[in-house]
PDB file of N, CA and C in Angstrom:
ATOM      1  N   MET A   1       7.546 -33.729  77.450  1.00  0.00           N
ATOM      2  CA  MET A   1       8.525 -33.987  76.416  1.00  0.00           C
ATOM      3  C   MET A   1       9.908 -33.591  76.909  1.00  0.00           C
ATOM      4  N   ASN A   2      10.893 -34.386  76.561  1.00  0.00           N
ATOM      5  CA  ASN A   2      12.245 -34.038  76.982  1.00  0.00           C
ATOM      6  C   ASN A   2      12.956 -33.218  75.912  1.00  0.00           C
ATOM      7  N   SER A   3      14.136 -32.751  76.230  1.00  0.00           N
ATOM      8  CA  SER A   3      14.844 -31.860  75.305  1.00  0.00           C
ATOM      9  C   SER A   3      15.401 -32.577  74.081  1.00  0.00           C
ATOM     10  N   ALA A   4      15.362 -33.911  74.062  1.00  0.00           N
ATOM     11  CA  ALA A   4      15.892 -34.661  72.921  1.00  0.00           C
ATOM     12  C   ALA A   4      14.838 -34.895  71.844  1.00  0.00           C
ATOM     13  N   THR A   5      13.686 -34.271  71.963  1.00  0.00           N
ATOM     14  CA  THR A   5      12.643 -34.462  70.970  1.00  0.00           C
ATOM     15  C   THR A   5      12.711 -33.382  69.901  1.00  0.00           C
ATOM     16  N   LYS A   6      12.179 -33.696  68.749  1.00  0.00           N
ATOM     17  CA  LYS A   6      12.092 -32.753  67.630  1.00  0.00           C
ATOM     18  C   LYS A   6      10.619 -32.536  67.314  1.00  0.00           C
ATOM     19  N   ARG A   7      10.297 -31.336  66.972  1.00  0.00           N
ATOM     20  CA  ARG A   7       8.931 -31.006  66.626  1.00  0.00           C
ATOM     21  C   ARG A   7       8.734 -31.180  65.119  1.00  0.00           C
ATOM     22  N   SER A   8       7.583 -31.736  64.735  1.00  0.00           N
ATOM     23  CA  SER A   8       7.272 -31.944  63.329  1.00  0.00           C
ATOM     24  C   SER A   8       5.767 -31.793  63.137  1.00  0.00           C
ATOM     25  N   THR A   9       5.379 -31.407  61.970  1.00  0.00           N
ATOM     26  CA  THR A   9       3.963 -31.311  61.635  1.00  0.00           C
ATOM     27  C   THR A   9       3.593 -32.507  60.772  1.00  0.00           C
ATOM     28  N   ILE A  10       2.555 -33.204  61.202  1.00  0.00           N
ATOM     29  CA  ILE A  10       2.068 -34.368  60.461  1.00  0.00           C
ATOM     30  C   ILE A  10       0.592 -34.131  60.178  1.00  0.00           C
ATOM     31  N   TYR A  11       0.186 -34.359  58.949  1.00  0.00           N
ATOM     32  CA  TYR A  11      -1.212 -34.201  58.575  1.00  0.00           C
ATOM     33  C   TYR A  11      -1.865 -35.575  58.522  1.00  0.00           C
ATOM     34  N   PHE A  12      -2.896 -35.759  59.338  1.00  0.00           N
ATOM     35  CA  PHE A  12      -3.613 -37.019  59.400  1.00  0.00           C
ATOM     36  C   PHE A  12      -4.951 -36.906  58.693  1.00  0.00           C
ATOM     37  N   ASP A  13      -5.402 -38.017  58.155  1.00  0.00           N
ATOM     38  CA  ASP A  13      -6.771 -38.126  57.695  1.00  0.00           C
ATOM     39  C   ASP A  13      -7.666 -37.786  58.897  1.00  0.00           C
ATOM     40  N   GLU A  14      -8.769 -37.112  58.664  1.00  0.00           N
ATOM     41  CA  GLU A  14      -9.631 -36.646  59.752  1.00  0.00           C
ATOM     42  C   GLU A  14     -10.094 -37.779  60.661  1.00  0.00           C
ATOM     43  N   GLN A  15     -10.517 -38.881  60.075  1.00  0.00           N
ATOM     44  CA  GLN A  15     -11.000 -40.013  60.884  1.00  0.00           C
ATOM     45  C   GLN A  15      -9.856 -40.671  61.645  1.00  0.00           C
ATOM     46  N   LEU A  16      -8.690 -40.755  61.027  1.00  0.00           N
ATOM     47  CA  LEU A  16      -7.530 -41.320  61.708  1.00  0.00           C
ATOM     48  C   LEU A  16      -7.126 -40.449  62.893  1.00  0.00           C
ATOM     49  N   HIS A  17      -7.160 -39.159  62.708  1.00  0.00           N
ATOM     50  CA  HIS A  17      -6.832 -38.250  63.806  1.00  0.00           C
ATOM     51  C   HIS A  17      -7.815 -38.413  64.958  1.00  0.00           C
ATOM     52  N   GLU A  18      -9.085 -38.538  64.632  1.00  0.00           N
ATOM     53  CA  GLU A  18     -10.092 -38.735  65.676  1.00  0.00           C
ATOM     54  C   GLU A  18      -9.834 -40.035  66.434  1.00  0.00           C
ATOM     55  N   ALA A  19      -9.496 -41.091  65.711  1.00  0.00           N
ATOM     56  CA  ALA A  19      -9.190 -42.367  66.365  1.00  0.00           C
ATOM     57  C   ALA A  19      -7.963 -42.235  67.269  1.00  0.00           C
ATOM     58  N   LEU A  20      -6.937 -41.537  66.787  1.00  0.00           N
ATOM     59  CA  LEU A  20      -5.747 -41.313  67.612  1.00  0.00           C
ATOM     60  C   LEU A  20      -6.076 -40.504  68.857  1.00  0.00           C
ATOM     61  N   ARG A  21      -6.876 -39.461  68.684  1.00  0.00           N
ATOM     62  CA  ARG A  21      -7.248 -38.613  69.804  1.00  0.00           C
ATOM     63  C   ARG A  21      -8.004 -39.410  70.867  1.00  0.00           C
ATOM     64  N   LEU A  22      -8.936 -40.253  70.423  1.00  0.00           N
ATOM     65  CA  LEU A  22      -9.696 -41.081  71.358  1.00  0.00           C
ATOM     66  C   LEU A  22      -8.807 -42.127  72.035  1.00  0.00           C
ATOM     67  N   LYS A  23      -7.906 -42.736  71.262  1.00  0.00           N
ATOM     68  CA  LYS A  23      -6.994 -43.721  71.850  1.00  0.00           C
ATOM     69  C   LYS A  23      -6.084 -43.053  72.876  1.00  0.00           C
ATOM     70  N   ALA A  24      -5.606 -41.869  72.564  1.00  0.00           N
ATOM     71  CA  ALA A  24      -4.741 -41.148  73.490  1.00  0.00           C
ATOM     72  C   ALA A  24      -5.476 -40.878  74.796  1.00  0.00           C
ATOM     73  N   ALA A  25      -6.705 -40.443  74.706  1.00  0.00           N
ATOM     74  CA  ALA A  25      -7.484 -40.167  75.913  1.00  0.00           C
ATOM     75  C   ALA A  25      -7.754 -41.448  76.700  1.00  0.00           C
ATOM     76  N   HIS A  26      -8.073 -42.501  75.991  1.00  0.00           N
ATOM     77  CA  HIS A  26      -8.400 -43.780  76.641  1.00  0.00           C
ATOM     78  C   HIS A  26      -7.182 -44.411  77.317  1.00  0.00           C
ATOM     79  N   THR A  27      -6.013 -44.271  76.711  1.00  0.00           N
ATOM     80  CA  THR A  27      -4.799 -44.915  77.235  1.00  0.00           C
ATOM     81  C   THR A  27      -3.941 -43.973  78.075  1.00  0.00           C
ATOM     82  N   HIS A  28      -4.394 -42.742  78.244  1.00  0.00           N
ATOM     83  CA  HIS A  28      -3.645 -41.737  79.014  1.00  0.00           C
ATOM     84  C   HIS A  28      -2.258 -41.510  78.442  1.00  0.00           C
ATOM     85  N   GLN A  29      -2.182 -41.501  77.117  1.00  0.00           N
ATOM     86  CA  GLN A  29      -0.952 -41.204  76.398  1.00  0.00           C
ATOM     87  C   GLN A  29      -1.203 -40.008  75.496  1.00  0.00           C
ATOM     88  N   SER A  30      -0.145 -39.376  75.067  1.00  0.00           N
ATOM     89  CA  SER A  30      -0.302 -38.311  74.079  1.00  0.00           C
ATOM     90  C   SER A  30      -0.331 -38.930  72.687  1.00  0.00           C
ATOM     91  N   ILE A  31      -0.849 -38.175  71.731  1.00  0.00           N
ATOM     92  CA  ILE A  31      -0.814 -38.637  70.347  1.00  0.00           C
ATOM     93  C   ILE A  31       0.639 -38.837  69.927  1.00  0.00           C
ATOM     94  N   SER A  32       1.525 -37.957  70.375  1.00  0.00           N
ATOM     95  CA  SER A  32       2.950 -38.097  70.040  1.00  0.00           C
ATOM     96  C   SER A  32       3.513 -39.420  70.538  1.00  0.00           C
ATOM     97  N   GLU A  33       3.147 -39.829  71.741  1.00  0.00           N
ATOM     98  CA  GLU A  33       3.635 -41.107  72.267  1.00  0.00           C
ATOM     99  C   GLU A  33       3.137 -42.272  71.425  1.00  0.00           C
ATOM    100  N   ILE A  34       1.870 -42.222  71.043  1.00  0.00           N
ATOM    101  CA  ILE A  34       1.296 -43.294  70.221  1.00  0.00           C
ATOM    102  C   ILE A  34       1.985 -43.353  68.863  1.00  0.00           C
ATOM    103  N   VAL A  35       2.181 -42.195  68.241  1.00  0.00           N
ATOM    104  CA  VAL A  35       2.827 -42.146  66.923  1.00  0.00           C
ATOM    105  C   VAL A  35       4.278 -42.598  67.028  1.00  0.00           C
ATOM    106  N   ASN A  36       5.009 -42.141  68.054  1.00  0.00           N
ATOM    107  CA  ASN A  36       6.397 -42.575  68.239  1.00  0.00           C
ATOM    108  C   ASN A  36       6.487 -44.085  68.413  1.00  0.00           C
ATOM    109  N   ASP A  37       5.580 -44.663  69.202  1.00  0.00           N
ATOM    110  CA  ASP A  37       5.574 -46.122  69.391  1.00  0.00           C
ATOM    111  C   ASP A  37       5.315 -46.837  68.068  1.00  0.00           C
ATOM    112  N   ALA A  38       4.379 -46.325  67.270  1.00  0.00           N
ATOM    113  CA  ALA A  38       4.060 -46.950  65.987  1.00  0.00           C
ATOM    114  C   ALA A  38       5.231 -46.855  65.019  1.00  0.00           C
ATOM    115  N   VAL A  39       5.910 -45.718  64.999  1.00  0.00           N
ATOM    116  CA  VAL A  39       7.063 -45.552  64.107  1.00  0.00           C
ATOM    117  C   VAL A  39       8.194 -46.469  64.547  1.00  0.00           C
ATOM    118  N   ARG A  40       8.441 -46.547  65.860  1.00  0.00           N
ATOM    119  CA  ARG A  40       9.481 -47.465  66.368  1.00  0.00           C
ATOM    120  C   ARG A  40       9.175 -48.907  65.951  1.00  0.00           C
ATOM    121  N   ALA A  41       7.913 -49.316  66.103  1.00  0.00           N
ATOM    122  CA  ALA A  41       7.521 -50.685  65.737  1.00  0.00           C
ATOM    123  C   ALA A  41       7.733 -50.925  64.251  1.00  0.00           C
ATOM    124  N   SER A  42       7.396 -49.952  63.432  1.00  0.00           N
ATOM    125  CA  SER A  42       7.582 -50.078  61.987  1.00  0.00           C
ATOM    126  C   SER A  42       9.063 -50.181  61.627  1.00  0.00           C
ATOM    127  N   LEU A  43       9.891 -49.345  62.243  1.00  0.00           N
ATOM    128  CA  LEU A  43      11.334 -49.390  61.966  1.00  0.00           C
ATOM    129  C   LEU A  43      11.956 -50.692  62.455  1.00  0.00           C
ATOM    130  N   LEU A  44      11.503 -51.188  63.606  1.00  0.00           N
ATOM    131  CA  LEU A  44      11.998 -52.470  64.110  1.00  0.00           C
ATOM    132  C   LEU A  44      11.626 -53.597  63.150  1.00  0.00           C
ATOM    133  N   GLU A  45      10.407 -53.551  62.626  1.00  0.00           N
ATOM    134  CA  GLU A  45       9.981 -54.556  61.649  1.00  0.00           C
ATOM    135  C   GLU A  45      10.850 -54.490  60.399  1.00  0.00           C
ATOM    136  N   ASP A  46      11.159 -53.279  59.940  1.00  0.00           N
ATOM    137  CA  ASP A  46      12.052 -53.125  58.789  1.00  0.00           C
ATOM    138  C   ASP A  46      13.415 -53.734  59.081  1.00  0.00           C
ATOM    139  N   GLN A  47      13.942 -53.484  60.277  1.00  0.00           N
ATOM    140  CA  GLN A  47      15.249 -54.025  60.648  1.00  0.00           C
ATOM    141  C   GLN A  47      15.217 -55.552  60.670  1.00  0.00           C
ATOM    142  N   GLU A  48      14.143 -56.122  61.191  1.00  0.00           N
ATOM    143  CA  GLU A  48      14.004 -57.578  61.219  1.00  0.00           C
ATOM    144  C   GLU A  48      13.909 -58.142  59.798  1.00  0.00           C
ATOM    145  N   ASP A  49      13.167 -57.456  58.924  1.00  0.00           N
ATOM    146  CA  ASP A  49      13.054 -57.895  57.531  1.00  0.00           C
ATOM    147  C   ASP A  49      14.410 -57.864  56.840  1.00  0.00           C
ATOM    148  N   LEU A  50      15.163 -56.785  57.045  1.00  0.00           N
ATOM    149  CA  LEU A  50      16.486 -56.676  56.427  1.00  0.00           C
ATOM    150  C   LEU A  50      17.425 -57.767  56.929  1.00  0.00           C
ATOM    151  N   ALA A  51      17.332 -58.090  58.217  1.00  0.00           N
ATOM    152  CA  ALA A  51      18.158 -59.168  58.770  1.00  0.00           C
ATOM    153  C   ALA A  51      17.776 -60.507  58.144  1.00  0.00           C
ATOM    154  N   ALA A  52      16.487 -60.728  57.950  1.00  0.00           N
ATOM    155  CA  ALA A  52      16.033 -61.983  57.328  1.00  0.00           C
ATOM    156  C   ALA A  52      16.512 -62.069  55.885  1.00  0.00           C
ATOM    157  N   PHE A  53      16.449 -60.947  55.164  1.00  0.00           N
ATOM    158  CA  PHE A  53      16.956 -60.938  53.794  1.00  0.00           C
ATOM    159  C   PHE A  53      18.440 -61.269  53.772  1.00  0.00           C
ATOM    160  N   GLN A  54      19.178 -60.683  54.701  1.00  0.00           N
ATOM    161  CA  GLN A  54      20.624 -60.918  54.761  1.00  0.00           C
ATOM    162  C   GLN A  54      20.934 -62.381  55.049  1.00  0.00           C
ATOM    163  N   GLU A  55      20.157 -63.008  55.926  1.00  0.00           N
ATOM    164  CA  GLU A  55      20.358 -64.422  56.250  1.00  0.00           C
ATOM    165  C   GLU A  55      20.105 -65.309  55.037  1.00  0.00           C
ATOM    166  N   ARG A  56      19.229 -64.866  54.133  1.00  0.00           N
ATOM    167  CA  ARG A  56      18.840 -65.703  53.001  1.00  0.00           C
ATOM    168  C   ARG A  56      19.529 -65.313  51.699  1.00  0.00           C
ATOM    169  N   VAL A  57      20.503 -64.405  51.768  1.00  0.00           N
ATOM    170  CA  VAL A  57      21.127 -63.888  50.560  1.00  0.00           C
ATOM    171  C   VAL A  57      21.819 -64.987  49.748  1.00  0.00           C
ATOM    172  N   ALA A  58      22.301 -66.024  50.386  1.00  0.00           N
ATOM    173  CA  ALA A  58      23.017 -67.084  49.684  1.00  0.00           C
ATOM    174  C   ALA A  58      22.091 -68.180  49.143  1.00  0.00           C
ATOM    175  N   GLU A  59      20.814 -68.099  49.450  1.00  0.00           N
ATOM    176  CA  GLU A  59      19.884 -69.118  48.963  1.00  0.00           C
ATOM    177  C   GLU A  59      19.721 -68.996  47.452  1.00  0.00           C
ATOM    178  N   PRO A  60      19.531 -70.122  46.786  1.00  0.00           N
ATOM    179  CA  PRO A  60      19.328 -70.059  45.341  1.00  0.00           C
ATOM    180  C   PRO A  60      18.007 -69.341  45.016  1.00  0.00           C
ATOM    181  N   THR A  61      18.000 -68.673  43.883  1.00  0.00           N
ATOM    182  CA  THR A  61      16.784 -67.978  43.463  1.00  0.00           C
ATOM    183  C   THR A  61      16.169 -68.696  42.277  1.00  0.00           C
ATOM    184  N   MET A  62      14.901 -68.426  42.052  1.00  0.00           N
ATOM    185  CA  MET A  62      14.160 -69.056  40.974  1.00  0.00           C
ATOM    186  C   MET A  62      13.330 -67.969  40.308  1.00  0.00           C
ATOM    187  N   THR A  63      13.324 -67.957  38.984  1.00  0.00           N
ATOM    188  CA  THR A  63      12.489 -66.980  38.288  1.00  0.00           C
ATOM    189  C   THR A  63      11.034 -67.408  38.393  1.00  0.00           C
ATOM    190  N   TYR A  64      10.155 -66.484  38.098  1.00  0.00           N
ATOM    191  CA  TYR A  64       8.731 -66.781  38.120  1.00  0.00           C
ATOM    192  C   TYR A  64       8.400 -67.886  37.122  1.00  0.00           C
ATOM    193  N   GLU A  65       9.014 -67.811  35.950  1.00  0.00           N
ATOM    194  CA  GLU A  65       8.784 -68.842  34.924  1.00  0.00           C
ATOM    195  C   GLU A  65       9.249 -70.210  35.430  1.00  0.00           C
ATOM    196  N   GLU A  66      10.411 -70.262  36.071  1.00  0.00           N
ATOM    197  CA  GLU A  66      10.915 -71.523  36.617  1.00  0.00           C
ATOM    198  C   GLU A  66       9.971 -72.058  37.697  1.00  0.00           C
ATOM    199  N   LEU A  67       9.446 -71.162  38.525  1.00  0.00           N
ATOM    200  CA  LEU A  67       8.501 -71.577  39.558  1.00  0.00           C
ATOM    201  C   LEU A  67       7.258 -72.195  38.939  1.00  0.00           C
ATOM    202  N   LEU A  68       6.706 -71.534  37.929  1.00  0.00           N
ATOM    203  CA  LEU A  68       5.513 -72.071  37.270  1.00  0.00           C
ATOM    204  C   LEU A  68       5.790 -73.423  36.632  1.00  0.00           C
ATOM    205  N   ASN A  69       6.934 -73.548  35.970  1.00  0.00           N
ATOM    206  CA  ASN A  69       7.308 -74.818  35.364  1.00  0.00           C
ATOM    207  C   ASN A  69       7.461 -75.912  36.410  1.00  0.00           C
ATOM    208  N   ASP A  70       8.055 -75.576  37.555  1.00  0.00           N
ATOM    209  CA  ASP A  70       8.232 -76.544  38.646  1.00  0.00           C
ATOM    210  C   ASP A  70       6.876 -76.972  39.217  1.00  0.00           C
ATOM    211  N   LEU A  71       5.998 -76.013  39.409  1.00  0.00           N
ATOM    212  CA  LEU A  71       4.664 -76.336  39.908  1.00  0.00           C
ATOM    213  C   LEU A  71       3.925 -77.249  38.931  1.00  0.00           C
ATOM    214  N   LYS A  72       4.019 -76.959  37.642  1.00  0.00           N
ATOM    215  CA  LYS A  72       3.364 -77.774  36.636  1.00  0.00           C
ATOM    216  C   LYS A  72       3.968 -79.169  36.602  1.00  0.00           C
ATOM    217  N   ALA A  73       5.302 -79.257  36.688  1.00  0.00           N
ATOM    218  CA  ALA A  73       5.980 -80.554  36.654  1.00  0.00           C
ATOM    219  C   ALA A  73       5.586 -81.438  37.834  1.00  0.00           C
ATOM    220  N   HIS A  74       5.232 -80.813  38.956  1.00  0.00           N
ATOM    221  CA  HIS A  74       4.863 -81.568  40.145  1.00  0.00           C
ATOM    222  C   HIS A  74       3.336 -81.679  40.325  1.00  0.00           C
ATOM    223  N   GLY A  75       2.594 -81.363  39.256  1.00  0.00           N
ATOM    224  CA  GLY A  75       1.145 -81.532  39.266  1.00  0.00           C
ATOM    225  C   GLY A  75       0.408 -80.534  40.139  1.00  0.00           C
ATOM    226  N   LYS A  76       1.017 -79.433  40.460  1.00  0.00           N
ATOM    227  CA  LYS A  76       0.364 -78.442  41.310  1.00  0.00           C
ATOM    228  C   LYS A  76      -0.455 -77.453  40.496  1.00  0.00           C
ATOM    229  N   LEU A  77      -0.201 -77.392  39.182  1.00  0.00           N
ATOM    230  CA  LEU A  77      -0.978 -76.518  38.300  1.00  0.00           C
ATOM    231  C   LEU A  77      -1.722 -77.351  37.279  1.00  0.00           C
TER     232      LEU A  77
END
């Protein structure tokens, strides 16, 4: 670990911890590396989702009732 890391305590479900421990041993990584990679992937996905929302902010919106009415009008319901 380098000096730019922070220590934290995380409580895992027992079976999840066992799976992480086995994956770490199998992939020659630490549990911390696996968890950091998973958190990075999750945050990147959030960033991509936010960018997609921003791209679509000007699109017209439709209420649920309007959607149902449109589906019915077009014979989909």
